[in-house]
C-alpha atoms as a PDB file:
ATOM      1  CA  UNK A   1       0.000   0.000   0.000  1.00  0.00           C
ATOM      2  CA  UNK A   2       2.623   2.515  -1.003  1.00  0.00           C
ATOM      3  CA  UNK A   3       1.712   6.121  -1.624  1.00  0.00           C
ATOM      4  CA  UNK A   4       1.977   7.431  -5.144  1.00  0.00           C
ATOM      5  CA  UNK A   5       4.702   9.952  -5.828  1.00  0.00           C
ATOM      6  CA  UNK A   6       2.179  12.774  -6.396  1.00  0.00           C
ATOM      7  CA  UNK A   7       0.271  11.992  -3.192  1.00  0.00           C
ATOM      8  CA  UNK A   8       3.490  11.872  -1.203  1.00  0.00           C
ATOM      9  CA  UNK A   9       4.661  15.189  -2.651  1.00  0.00           C
ATOM     10  CA  UNK A  10       1.323  16.835  -1.799  1.00  0.00           C
ATOM     11  CA  UNK A  11       1.554  15.618   1.796  1.00  0.00           C
ATOM     12  CA  UNK A  12       5.134  16.860   2.106  1.00  0.00           C
ATOM     13  CA  UNK A  13       4.209  20.263   0.643  1.00  0.00           C
ATOM     14  CA  UNK A  14       1.280  20.628   3.032  1.00  0.00           C
ATOM     15  CA  UNK A  15       3.112  19.704   6.247  1.00  0.00           C
ATOM     16  CA  UNK A  16       6.653  20.977   5.655  1.00  0.00           C
ATOM     17  CA  UNK A  17       7.988  23.613   8.023  1.00  0.00           C
ATOM     18  CA  UNK A  18      10.502  25.226   5.652  1.00  0.00           C
ATOM     19  CA  UNK A  19      11.257  25.280   1.940  1.00  0.00           C
ATOM     20  CA  UNK A  20      13.760  22.405   1.986  1.00  0.00           C
ATOM     21  CA  UNK A  21      11.973  20.340   4.654  1.00  0.00           C
ATOM     22  CA  UNK A  22      11.218  16.733   3.738  1.00  0.00           C
ATOM     23  CA  UNK A  23      11.938  14.863   6.961  1.00  0.00           C
ATOM     24  CA  UNK A  24      10.660  16.841   9.923  1.00  0.00           C
ATOM     25  CA  UNK A  25       8.541  15.109  12.531  1.00  0.00           C
ATOM     26  CA  UNK A  26       5.357  16.641  11.134  1.00  0.00           C
ATOM     27  CA  UNK A  27       6.045  15.345   7.632  1.00  0.00           C
ATOM     28  CA  UNK A  28       6.970  11.873   8.881  1.00  0.00           C
ATOM     29  CA  UNK A  29       3.859  11.646  11.060  1.00  0.00           C
ATOM     30  CA  UNK A  30       1.622  12.796   8.207  1.00  0.00           C
ATOM     31  CA  UNK A  31       3.094  10.240   5.795  1.00  0.00           C
ATOM     32  CA  UNK A  32       2.711   7.458   8.342  1.00  0.00           C
ATOM     33  CA  UNK A  33      -0.874   8.504   9.042  1.00  0.00           C
ATOM     34  CA  UNK A  34      -1.868   8.273   5.392  1.00  0.00           C
ATOM     35  CA  UNK A  35      -0.189   4.861   5.067  1.00  0.00           C
ATOM     36  CA  UNK A  36      -2.006   3.676   8.208  1.00  0.00           C
ATOM     37  CA  UNK A  37      -5.347   4.854   6.821  1.00  0.00           C
ATOM     38  CA  UNK A  38      -4.738   2.993   3.554  1.00  0.00           C
ATOM     39  CA  UNK A  39      -3.787  -0.199   5.390  1.00  0.00           C
ATOM     40  CA  UNK A  40      -6.837   0.081   7.623  1.00  0.00           C
ATOM     41  CA  UNK A  41      -9.063   0.135   4.537  1.00  0.00           C
ATOM     42  CA  UNK A  42      -7.170  -2.892   3.188  1.00  0.00           C
ATOM     43  CA  UNK A  43      -7.846  -4.854   6.375  1.00  0.00           C
ATOM     44  CA  UNK A  44     -11.575  -4.187   6.178  1.00  0.00           C
ATOM     45  CA  UNK A  45     -11.618  -6.339   3.036  1.00  0.00           C
ATOM     46  CA  UNK A  46      -8.808  -8.778   3.923  1.00  0.00           C
ATOM     47  CA  UNK A  47      -9.461  -9.851   7.476  1.00  0.00           C
ATOM     48  CA  UNK A  48      -6.985 -12.758   7.452  1.00  0.00           C
ATOM     49  CA  UNK A  49      -3.925 -10.796   6.317  1.00  0.00           C
ATOM     50  CA  UNK A  50      -1.982 -11.267   9.545  1.00  0.00           C
ATOM     51  CA  UNK A  51       1.445 -10.516   8.063  1.00  0.00           C
ATOM     52  CA  UNK A  52       0.226  -7.140   6.853  1.00  0.00           C
ATOM     53  CA  UNK A  53      -1.303  -6.480  10.238  1.00  0.00           C
ATOM     54  CA  UNK A  54       2.135  -6.857  11.826  1.00  0.00           C
ATOM     55  CA  UNK A  55       3.425  -4.145   9.485  1.00  0.00           C
ATOM     56  CA  UNK A  56       0.507  -1.945  10.485  1.00  0.00           C
ATOM     57  CA  UNK A  57       1.352  -2.362  14.164  1.00  0.00           C
ATOM     58  CA  UNK A  58       4.963  -1.360  13.447  1.00  0.00           C
ATOM     59  CA  UNK A  59       3.799   1.764  11.587  1.00  0.00           C
ATOM     60  CA  UNK A  60       1.481   2.743  14.432  1.00  0.00           C
ATOM     61  CA  UNK A  61       4.288   2.289  16.970  1.00  0.00           C
ATOM     62  CA  UNK A  62       6.687   4.399  14.903  1.00  0.00           C
ATOM     63  CA  UNK A  63       4.058   7.152  14.615  1.00  0.00           C
ATOM     64  CA  UNK A  64       3.415   6.993  18.370  1.00  0.00           C
ATOM     65  CA  UNK A  65       7.128   7.477  19.110  1.00  0.00           C
ATOM     66  CA  UNK A  66       7.322  10.443  16.743  1.00  0.00           C
ATOM     67  CA  UNK A  67       4.209  11.972  18.315  1.00  0.00           C
ATOM     68  CA  UNK A  68       5.705  11.559  21.784  1.00  0.00           C
ATOM     69  CA  UNK A  69       8.901  13.273  20.629  1.00  0.00           C
ATOM     70  CA  UNK A  70       6.968  16.139  19.049  1.00  0.00           C
ATOM     71  CA  UNK A  71       4.861  16.571  22.180  1.00  0.00           C
ATOM     72  CA  UNK A  72       7.993  16.775  24.341  1.00  0.00           C
ATOM     73  CA  UNK A  73       9.806  19.212  22.070  1.00  0.00           C
ATOM     74  CA  UNK A  74       6.957  21.504  20.964  1.00  0.00           C
ATOM     75  CA  UNK A  75       3.476  21.037  22.347  1.00  0.00           C
ATOM     76  CA  UNK A  76       1.908  23.726  20.148  1.00  0.00           C
ATOM     77  CA  UNK A  77       3.167  22.060  16.946  1.00  0.00           C
ATOM     78  CA  UNK A  78       1.863  18.770  18.355  1.00  0.00           C
ATOM     79  CA  UNK A  79      -1.646  20.097  18.952  1.00  0.00           C
ATOM     80  CA  UNK A  80      -1.871  21.731  15.507  1.00  0.00           C
ATOM     81  CA  UNK A  81      -0.737  18.537  13.803  1.00  0.00           C
ATOM     82  CA  UNK A  82      -3.183  16.422  15.785  1.00  0.00           C
ATOM     83  CA  UNK A  83      -6.056  18.719  14.813  1.00  0.00           C
ATOM     84  CA  UNK A  84      -5.060  18.761  11.127  1.00  0.00           C
ATOM     85  CA  UNK A  85      -4.724  14.997  10.872  1.00  0.00           C
ATOM     86  CA  UNK A  86      -7.654  14.217  13.161  1.00  0.00           C
ATOM     87  CA  UNK A  87      -5.952  11.309  14.933  1.00  0.00           C
ATOM     88  CA  UNK A  88      -6.636  12.149  18.589  1.00  0.00           C
ATOM     89  CA  UNK A  89     -10.015  13.024  19.937  1.00  0.00           C
END
């Protein structure tokens, strides 16, 4: 469930913090979120794909660690990102 190049570029352009930014925490979290959403849709149709589910768990854990880091370093950037992505309620 890889993102297309155009989709990935749009996500990077929307969440980047500076002109040359491609790897900040916000960008990484946004990319992981869109991959997680795509995999979640995949698992609604393929309930027995347990190997893919393991990959999903790893992606969710990586996103959680990045969110924890962002919350520690800059809580205002954390809250704006959470609201934009709609992942915490």
